[in-house]
Amino acid sequence: MHHLLMQKDFDTWNIRKKNIDHSKRSILFSEGEVWWCALGVNIGFEQDGVNELFERPILVFKKFSNDVLWVLPLTKSIKTNPYYYQINHSEFPSSVILSQIRLISSKRLLRRMGTIERVEFFEIIKKFENILPHKH
């Protein structure tokens, strides 16, 4: 079914989001880790979470504090364009969507899946830097 034809469940996500916001749990995380994350129901072509937890895998891209971080969503789609980076690590056969970076609260992090190789993490950083505007 086409993405725009599917009915999005904003009402159920809103209830789940309130519970996440009221959570008092402290989450320890580091850059380069892959987590299941409650990304929720989003607008248009922004990456949505799936199932009853509205979750999807993400890569912790930048830790600003114990509470706030940049994440990059992962997808099973393999695309060869400047906005995707295919992870070669066999534990996470997926692509990082560089164009969908977002700032989140660590309260959205649900379950740690593992850590990608350091060399590969630096490759992702380089590829991300390549999509940023450059001064001429």
Protein backbone atom coordinates (compact mmCIF):
# COMPACT_ATOMS: atom_id res chain seq x y z
CA MET A 1 0.00 0.00 0.00
CA HIS A 2 1.31 3.46 -0.88
CA HIS A 3 2.74 5.45 2.04
CA LEU A 4 0.27 8.35 1.71
CA LEU A 5 -2.80 6.12 1.49
CA MET A 6 -2.20 4.42 4.84
CA GLN A 7 -4.07 5.86 7.81
CA LYS A 8 -1.63 7.05 10.45
CA ASP A 9 -2.53 6.36 14.09
CA PHE A 10 -1.71 9.76 15.60
CA ASP A 11 -4.15 9.26 18.51
CA THR A 12 -2.51 6.09 19.84
CA TRP A 13 0.94 7.61 19.36
CA ASN A 14 -0.14 10.66 21.36
CA ILE A 15 -1.04 8.43 24.35
CA ARG A 16 2.30 6.56 24.05
CA LYS A 17 4.20 9.86 23.73
CA LYS A 18 2.68 11.15 26.99
CA ASN A 19 3.87 7.99 28.78
CA ILE A 20 7.38 8.38 27.36
CA ASP A 21 7.48 12.03 28.41
CA HIS A 22 6.52 11.13 32.01
CA SER A 23 9.18 8.39 32.21
CA LYS A 24 11.76 8.86 34.95
CA ARG A 25 14.21 6.18 33.76
CA SER A 26 17.81 7.14 33.11
CA ILE A 27 19.30 5.75 29.90
CA LEU A 28 23.02 5.29 29.33
CA PHE A 29 24.00 5.53 25.66
CA SER A 30 27.03 6.33 23.51
CA GLU A 31 27.76 7.56 20.00
CA GLY A 32 27.94 4.74 17.47
CA GLU A 33 25.34 2.58 19.21
CA VAL A 34 22.25 1.21 17.47
CA TRP A 35 19.02 1.34 19.48
CA TRP A 36 15.35 0.64 19.02
CA CYS A 37 13.81 4.08 19.43
CA ALA A 38 10.23 5.34 19.84
CA LEU A 39 10.21 7.69 16.84
CA GLY A 40 6.45 7.78 16.70
CA VAL A 41 4.03 8.76 13.97
CA ASN A 42 5.39 11.59 11.87
CA ILE A 43 4.33 13.91 9.08
CA GLY A 44 4.66 13.21 5.35
CA PHE A 45 7.83 11.35 4.41
CA GLU A 46 9.57 11.64 7.80
CA GLN A 47 10.52 8.18 9.06
CA ASP A 48 7.82 6.66 11.27
CA GLY A 49 8.18 4.09 13.99
CA VAL A 50 6.36 0.77 13.55
CA ASN A 51 4.26 -1.61 15.67
CA GLU A 52 2.57 -0.81 18.99
CA LEU A 53 5.72 0.89 20.36
CA PHE A 54 6.07 3.12 17.25
CA GLU A 55 9.73 2.15 17.15
CA ARG A 56 12.48 1.84 14.58
CA PRO A 57 16.23 1.28 14.78
CA ILE A 58 18.42 4.39 14.97
CA LEU A 59 22.12 5.16 15.14
CA VAL A 60 23.26 7.44 17.98
CA PHE A 61 25.11 10.06 15.91
CA LYS A 62 25.94 12.78 18.45
CA LYS A 63 25.50 12.85 22.24
CA PHE A 64 25.01 16.40 23.54
CA SER A 65 24.15 15.37 27.11
CA ASN A 66 22.64 12.41 28.95
CA ASP A 67 19.23 13.72 27.89
CA VAL A 68 19.63 14.98 24.30
CA LEU A 69 21.12 13.42 21.18
CA TRP A 70 21.11 13.45 17.39
CA VAL A 71 19.98 10.21 15.79
CA LEU A 72 19.95 8.83 12.27
CA PRO A 73 17.12 6.41 11.43
CA LEU A 74 17.94 3.06 9.86
CA THR A 75 16.05 1.40 7.02
CA LYS A 76 16.16 -2.03 5.39
CA SER A 77 16.08 -0.27 1.98
CA ILE A 78 19.39 -0.30 0.18
CA LYS A 79 19.81 2.90 -1.79
CA THR A 80 22.86 4.26 -3.51
CA ASN A 81 22.63 8.02 -3.23
CA PRO A 82 24.42 10.68 -1.16
CA TYR A 83 21.74 10.62 1.57
CA TYR A 84 22.15 6.96 2.54
CA TYR A 85 25.04 4.98 3.99
CA GLN A 86 24.88 1.20 3.78
CA ILE A 87 26.12 -0.42 6.99
CA ASN A 88 28.42 -3.32 6.19
CA HIS A 89 28.28 -4.75 9.70
CA SER A 90 26.43 -8.07 9.43
CA GLU A 91 24.60 -7.54 12.74
CA PHE A 92 22.71 -4.53 11.31
CA PRO A 93 22.03 -5.15 7.59
CA SER A 94 20.55 -1.75 6.83
CA SER A 95 21.18 1.77 5.61
CA VAL A 96 21.53 4.95 7.65
CA ILE A 97 19.31 7.75 6.34
CA LEU A 98 21.63 10.75 6.59
CA SER A 99 18.98 13.25 5.45
CA GLN A 100 16.66 12.36 8.35
CA ILE A 101 18.90 13.40 11.24
CA ARG A 102 16.87 14.51 14.23
CA LEU A 103 17.28 15.74 17.76
CA ILE A 104 15.53 13.55 20.33
CA SER A 105 15.23 13.07 24.07
CA SER A 106 17.02 10.00 25.41
CA LYS A 107 13.63 9.02 26.89
CA ARG A 108 12.76 7.75 23.39
CA LEU A 109 15.54 5.12 23.49
CA LEU A 110 14.01 1.69 24.18
CA ARG A 111 16.52 -1.16 23.73
CA ARG A 112 20.21 -1.16 22.83
CA MET A 113 20.99 -3.44 19.90
CA GLY A 114 24.78 -3.05 19.75
CA THR A 115 27.53 -0.83 18.41
CA ILE A 116 28.78 -0.39 14.86
CA GLU A 117 32.49 -0.60 14.07
CA ARG A 118 34.42 2.61 14.85
CA VAL A 119 35.87 2.78 11.34
CA GLU A 120 32.38 2.56 9.88
CA PHE A 121 31.07 5.23 12.28
CA PHE A 122 33.79 7.62 11.05
CA GLU A 123 32.79 6.82 7.45
CA ILE A 124 29.20 7.79 8.29
CA ILE A 125 30.43 11.08 9.79
CA LYS A 126 32.43 11.80 6.60
CA LYS A 127 29.47 10.99 4.37
CA PHE A 128 27.22 13.22 6.51
CA GLU A 129 29.72 16.09 6.23
CA ASN A 130 29.62 15.68 2.42
CA ILE A 131 25.90 16.48 2.26
CA LEU A 132 26.32 19.72 4.24
CA PRO A 133 26.65 23.03 2.37
CA HIS A 134 30.25 24.02 1.76
CA LYS A 135 31.68 27.52 1.51
CA HIS A 136 33.20 28.26 -1.90
